[in-house]
Amino acid sequence: MPTGVSAGVAVYDRCSGTFAERLAPDARFRSASVVKLLIALDHLWDRGPVDGLPPADRTRLAAMLASSDDSAAGHFWERNGGTGVITRMVSRLGLTGTAGPPPRFPGHWGYSAVTAADVVRVWRHLLDDAPPAQREAVLGPLRRATRYGTDGFDQFFGIPSAFARPWAVKQGWSGYPPAARPTGVSGTGVDLRRPALHTTGAVGPGDRAVVAVLTLHPPGTPYAEAGAAVTEITRSLRVPGAVLL
């Protein structure tokens, strides 16, 4: 593990039904944009055929997932009841370490708490249990993830830099560049101070492996340096079906 980096890791082999790697899988991290998986699934949950969604909703969902668009996430978060999104998805998917943002930051969806184990559960639901139309509505944009998010940050660290396609990814970053932000630890035990950088996704033919690497870095760590560290960690993992670049 790179010096000063804290990580929660889980790699699940869908062929064998076993974990190939686990490191602090139940440690809580602030979600950053990884929570957009839950925001998308919640919005689609009881809405019938995806083709029946208003075109603006389909456009927002695609941008939120492929390019990690924050304004789209904020739109769905407010429209669907804020923290209620997390409450519903925790119950629906049986998540054990996921929680909404601290009460004093109700609109900060990226301050939600997640664990590597729960992120794997979310991806497994998406791959194995979600209705096919909903699965494609979410997985399609994740397979077409853009090199840069709409905020200009390079998303191709971790999985996209470590493994050859096919893959689908949802990345997360928070705290770059350093900015005024709350310090200390939230009531859910989530560090809100150190920069966070996460890579999560499905890797290999047939989406054989589900990978979740959640990390925190020393304050002031440059984004590129943190991204290189996450790629180093990801590349070191045993990921069934993956081909290293």
Protein backbone atom coordinates (compact mmCIF):
# COMPACT_ATOMS: atom_id res chain seq x y z
CA MET A 1 0.00 0.00 0.00
CA PRO A 2 1.44 3.45 -0.88
CA THR A 3 2.60 5.44 2.14
CA GLY A 4 -0.16 7.41 3.81
CA VAL A 5 -2.97 5.84 1.76
CA SER A 6 -5.95 4.15 3.45
CA ALA A 7 -7.91 1.68 1.36
CA GLY A 8 -10.92 -0.57 1.39
CA VAL A 9 -10.77 -3.26 -1.31
CA ALA A 10 -13.04 -6.03 -2.53
CA VAL A 11 -12.72 -8.15 -5.70
CA TYR A 12 -15.51 -10.61 -6.39
CA ASP A 13 -15.31 -13.46 -8.93
CA ARG A 14 -18.78 -13.95 -10.40
CA CYS A 15 -17.78 -17.33 -11.88
CA SER A 16 -16.71 -18.95 -8.62
CA GLY A 17 -18.95 -16.90 -6.34
CA THR A 18 -16.00 -16.06 -4.11
CA PHE A 19 -13.87 -13.06 -3.23
CA ALA A 20 -10.42 -13.02 -4.80
CA GLU A 21 -9.29 -10.04 -2.69
CA ARG A 22 -10.51 -8.32 0.47
CA LEU A 23 -8.85 -5.59 2.50
CA ALA A 24 -10.90 -3.71 5.09
CA PRO A 25 -14.03 -4.36 2.99
CA ASP A 26 -16.34 -2.97 5.67
CA ALA A 27 -14.40 0.25 6.32
CA ARG A 28 -16.51 3.32 5.59
CA PHE A 29 -15.41 5.95 3.08
CA ARG A 30 -17.25 8.97 1.79
CA SER A 31 -18.75 7.94 -1.46
CA ALA A 32 -17.89 10.85 -3.74
CA SER A 33 -19.46 10.08 -7.13
CA VAL A 34 -19.72 6.33 -6.56
CA VAL A 35 -23.08 7.11 -4.93
CA LYS A 36 -24.36 7.99 -8.41
CA LEU A 37 -24.89 4.25 -8.91
CA LEU A 38 -27.49 4.33 -6.13
CA ILE A 39 -29.00 7.58 -7.38
CA ALA A 40 -29.49 6.04 -10.84
CA LEU A 41 -30.88 2.73 -9.60
CA ASP A 42 -33.28 4.48 -7.23
CA HIS A 43 -34.60 6.73 -9.98
CA LEU A 44 -35.22 3.74 -12.27
CA TRP A 45 -36.54 1.36 -9.61
CA ASP A 46 -40.32 1.63 -10.03
CA ARG A 47 -40.61 3.70 -13.18
CA GLY A 48 -41.51 1.02 -15.69
CA PRO A 49 -39.90 0.79 -19.14
CA VAL A 50 -36.79 2.90 -19.43
CA ASP A 51 -37.87 3.98 -22.92
CA GLY A 52 -40.79 5.71 -21.25
CA LEU A 53 -38.58 8.09 -19.31
CA PRO A 54 -38.65 11.70 -20.44
CA PRO A 55 -35.77 12.44 -22.84
CA ALA A 56 -34.31 14.92 -20.34
CA ASP A 57 -34.12 12.18 -17.70
CA ARG A 58 -32.35 9.81 -20.08
CA THR A 59 -29.88 12.53 -21.03
CA ARG A 60 -29.16 13.37 -17.38
CA LEU A 61 -28.73 9.71 -16.41
CA ALA A 62 -26.26 9.10 -19.24
CA ALA A 63 -24.23 12.20 -18.35
CA MET A 64 -24.27 11.38 -14.64
CA LEU A 65 -22.94 7.87 -15.25
CA ALA A 66 -20.62 8.23 -18.25
CA SER A 67 -19.16 11.64 -17.39
CA SER A 68 -19.94 11.83 -13.65
CA ASP A 69 -22.03 14.97 -14.11
CA ASP A 70 -22.68 16.56 -10.72
CA SER A 71 -25.57 18.77 -11.78
CA ALA A 72 -27.48 15.70 -12.99
CA ALA A 73 -26.82 13.92 -9.70
CA GLY A 74 -28.02 16.97 -7.77
CA HIS A 75 -31.17 17.09 -9.88
CA PHE A 76 -32.13 13.47 -9.13
CA TRP A 77 -31.05 13.76 -5.49
CA GLU A 78 -33.36 16.70 -4.81
CA ARG A 79 -36.19 15.40 -6.97
CA ASN A 80 -36.24 11.99 -5.27
CA GLY A 81 -36.02 13.06 -1.65
CA GLY A 82 -32.33 13.51 -0.88
CA THR A 83 -31.21 11.10 1.81
CA GLY A 84 -34.33 9.06 1.15
CA VAL A 85 -32.51 7.78 -1.95
CA ILE A 86 -29.93 6.11 0.31
CA THR A 87 -32.50 4.84 2.82
CA ARG A 88 -34.48 3.11 0.09
CA MET A 89 -31.46 1.56 -1.63
CA VAL A 90 -29.98 0.31 1.64
CA SER A 91 -33.23 -1.55 2.30
CA ARG A 92 -33.67 -2.83 -1.25
CA LEU A 93 -30.13 -4.18 -1.65
CA GLY A 94 -29.40 -5.21 1.95
CA LEU A 95 -26.45 -2.85 2.29
CA THR A 96 -24.83 -2.92 5.73
CA GLY A 97 -22.30 -0.08 5.76
CA THR A 98 -23.94 2.50 3.51
CA ALA A 99 -25.55 5.61 4.99
CA GLY A 100 -26.68 9.04 3.87
CA PRO A 101 -24.63 12.21 4.35
CA PRO A 102 -24.29 13.74 7.83
CA PRO A 103 -27.45 15.59 8.94
CA ARG A 104 -25.68 18.95 8.77
CA PHE A 105 -24.86 18.34 5.08
CA PRO A 106 -28.13 16.91 3.70
CA GLY A 107 -27.52 18.11 0.15
CA HIS A 108 -23.98 16.72 -0.07
CA TRP A 109 -24.74 13.38 -1.70
CA GLY A 110 -20.99 12.75 -2.09
CA TYR A 111 -20.63 12.69 1.71
CA SER A 112 -22.69 9.50 1.90
CA ALA A 113 -20.91 6.56 3.51
CA VAL A 114 -20.06 3.46 1.48
CA THR A 115 -17.89 0.38 1.92
CA ALA A 116 -16.07 -1.75 -0.63
CA ALA A 117 -18.25 -4.72 0.33
CA ASP A 118 -21.44 -2.72 -0.27
CA VAL A 119 -20.18 -1.34 -3.57
CA VAL A 120 -19.64 -4.92 -4.75
CA ARG A 121 -23.22 -5.71 -3.69
CA VAL A 122 -24.48 -2.79 -5.77
CA TRP A 123 -22.58 -3.95 -8.86
CA ARG A 124 -23.73 -7.54 -8.35
CA HIS A 125 -27.34 -6.38 -8.22
CA LEU A 126 -26.82 -4.39 -11.38
CA LEU A 127 -25.20 -7.33 -13.20
CA ASP A 128 -27.33 -10.20 -11.89
CA ASP A 129 -30.67 -8.98 -10.58
CA ALA A 130 -31.70 -5.69 -12.19
CA PRO A 131 -34.31 -5.93 -14.97
CA PRO A 132 -32.52 -6.06 -18.34
CA ALA A 133 -33.70 -2.64 -19.53
CA GLN A 134 -32.62 -0.97 -16.29
CA ARG A 135 -29.33 -2.86 -16.35
CA GLU A 136 -28.54 -1.55 -19.82
CA ALA A 137 -29.65 1.97 -18.95
CA VAL A 138 -27.00 2.04 -16.22
CA LEU A 139 -24.31 -0.28 -17.60
CA GLY A 140 -24.35 1.19 -21.10
CA PRO A 141 -23.05 4.61 -20.02
CA LEU A 142 -20.60 3.00 -17.59
CA ARG A 143 -19.10 0.96 -20.44
CA ARG A 144 -18.79 4.20 -22.40
CA ALA A 145 -17.23 6.22 -19.59
CA THR A 146 -15.59 9.33 -20.98
CA ARG A 147 -11.92 10.06 -20.40
CA TYR A 148 -12.81 13.27 -18.55
CA GLY A 149 -15.71 14.07 -16.27
CA THR A 150 -17.82 17.13 -16.97
CA ASP A 151 -15.79 18.90 -14.25
CA GLY A 152 -12.59 18.33 -16.27
CA PHE A 153 -11.05 15.64 -14.06
CA ASP A 154 -9.40 12.63 -15.73
CA GLN A 155 -11.46 9.53 -14.91
CA PHE A 156 -9.02 7.00 -16.32
CA PHE A 157 -7.22 5.95 -13.15
CA GLY A 158 -7.52 2.61 -11.41
CA ILE A 159 -9.47 0.11 -13.51
CA PRO A 160 -9.24 1.91 -16.89
CA SER A 161 -5.47 2.38 -16.50
CA ALA A 162 -4.77 -1.08 -15.11
CA PHE A 163 -6.88 -3.39 -17.28
CA ALA A 164 -7.72 -3.82 -20.94
CA ARG A 165 -11.33 -3.61 -22.00
CA PRO A 166 -13.99 -4.88 -21.61
CA TRP A 167 -14.85 -3.02 -18.44
CA ALA A 168 -17.54 -0.74 -17.04
CA VAL A 169 -16.57 1.80 -14.39
CA LYS A 170 -17.95 4.29 -11.92
CA GLN A 171 -15.21 6.40 -10.44
CA GLY A 172 -15.30 8.87 -7.56
CA TRP A 173 -13.16 11.80 -6.42
CA SER A 174 -13.55 14.39 -3.69
CA GLY A 175 -11.21 17.03 -2.27
CA TYR A 176 -9.24 18.02 -5.41
CA PRO A 177 -7.98 20.67 -5.53
CA PRO A 178 -7.88 21.46 -1.80
CA ALA A 179 -10.77 23.70 -0.91
CA ALA A 180 -12.64 24.95 2.14
CA ARG A 181 -14.43 21.92 3.49
CA PRO A 182 -15.53 20.44 6.83
CA THR A 183 -12.79 18.86 8.90
CA GLY A 184 -12.73 15.91 11.24
CA VAL A 185 -14.97 12.86 11.13
CA SER A 186 -18.69 12.72 10.46
CA GLY A 187 -21.21 11.08 12.76
CA THR A 188 -21.13 7.99 10.55
CA GLY A 189 -17.38 7.64 10.99
CA VAL A 190 -16.54 8.96 7.52
CA ASP A 191 -13.40 11.05 7.08
CA LEU A 192 -14.39 14.34 5.42
CA ARG A 193 -10.89 15.80 5.46
CA ARG A 194 -8.53 13.67 3.39
CA PRO A 195 -8.88 13.60 -0.41
CA ALA A 196 -10.82 10.56 -1.63
CA LEU A 197 -10.32 8.69 -4.89
CA HIS A 198 -12.24 5.53 -5.82
CA THR A 199 -12.34 3.11 -8.74
CA THR A 200 -15.19 0.61 -9.03
CA GLY A 201 -16.49 -1.54 -11.84
CA ALA A 202 -16.97 -4.79 -13.69
CA VAL A 203 -13.91 -6.20 -15.46
CA GLY A 204 -13.22 -8.88 -18.05
CA PRO A 205 -15.25 -10.91 -20.56
CA GLY A 206 -18.77 -11.46 -19.30
CA ASP A 207 -18.14 -8.95 -16.52
CA ARG A 208 -16.47 -11.74 -14.63
CA ALA A 209 -14.97 -9.69 -11.80
CA VAL A 210 -16.42 -6.89 -9.71
CA VAL A 211 -13.76 -4.55 -8.33
CA ALA A 212 -14.07 -1.88 -5.66
CA VAL A 213 -11.04 0.11 -4.51
CA LEU A 214 -11.88 2.98 -2.16
CA THR A 215 -9.02 5.21 -0.99
CA LEU A 216 -8.09 8.23 1.12
CA HIS A 217 -4.85 10.16 0.63
CA PRO A 218 -2.76 12.57 2.72
CA PRO A 219 -4.08 16.16 2.68
CA GLY A 220 -2.71 18.13 -0.25
CA THR A 221 -1.97 15.08 -2.41
CA PRO A 222 -2.15 16.15 -6.09
CA TYR A 223 -4.88 14.48 -8.11
CA ALA A 224 -2.43 12.87 -10.55
CA GLU A 225 -0.38 11.44 -7.70
CA ALA A 226 -3.47 9.98 -6.04
CA GLY A 227 -4.61 8.54 -9.35
CA ALA A 228 -1.26 6.85 -9.88
CA ALA A 229 -1.46 5.35 -6.39
CA VAL A 230 -4.96 3.97 -7.04
CA THR A 231 -3.80 2.50 -10.33
CA GLU A 232 -0.84 0.89 -8.57
CA ILE A 233 -3.13 -0.68 -5.98
CA THR A 234 -5.60 -1.86 -8.62
CA ARG A 235 -2.89 -3.34 -10.81
CA SER A 236 -1.55 -5.36 -7.86
CA LEU A 237 -4.86 -7.15 -7.24
CA ARG A 238 -5.85 -10.64 -8.34
CA VAL A 239 -8.76 -9.90 -10.69
CA PRO A 240 -10.10 -13.02 -12.42
CA GLY A 241 -10.54 -12.56 -16.15
CA ALA A 242 -8.70 -9.25 -16.27
CA VAL A 243 -5.87 -8.53 -18.71
CA LEU A 244 -3.24 -6.12 -17.42
CA LEU A 245 -2.20 -3.21 -19.60
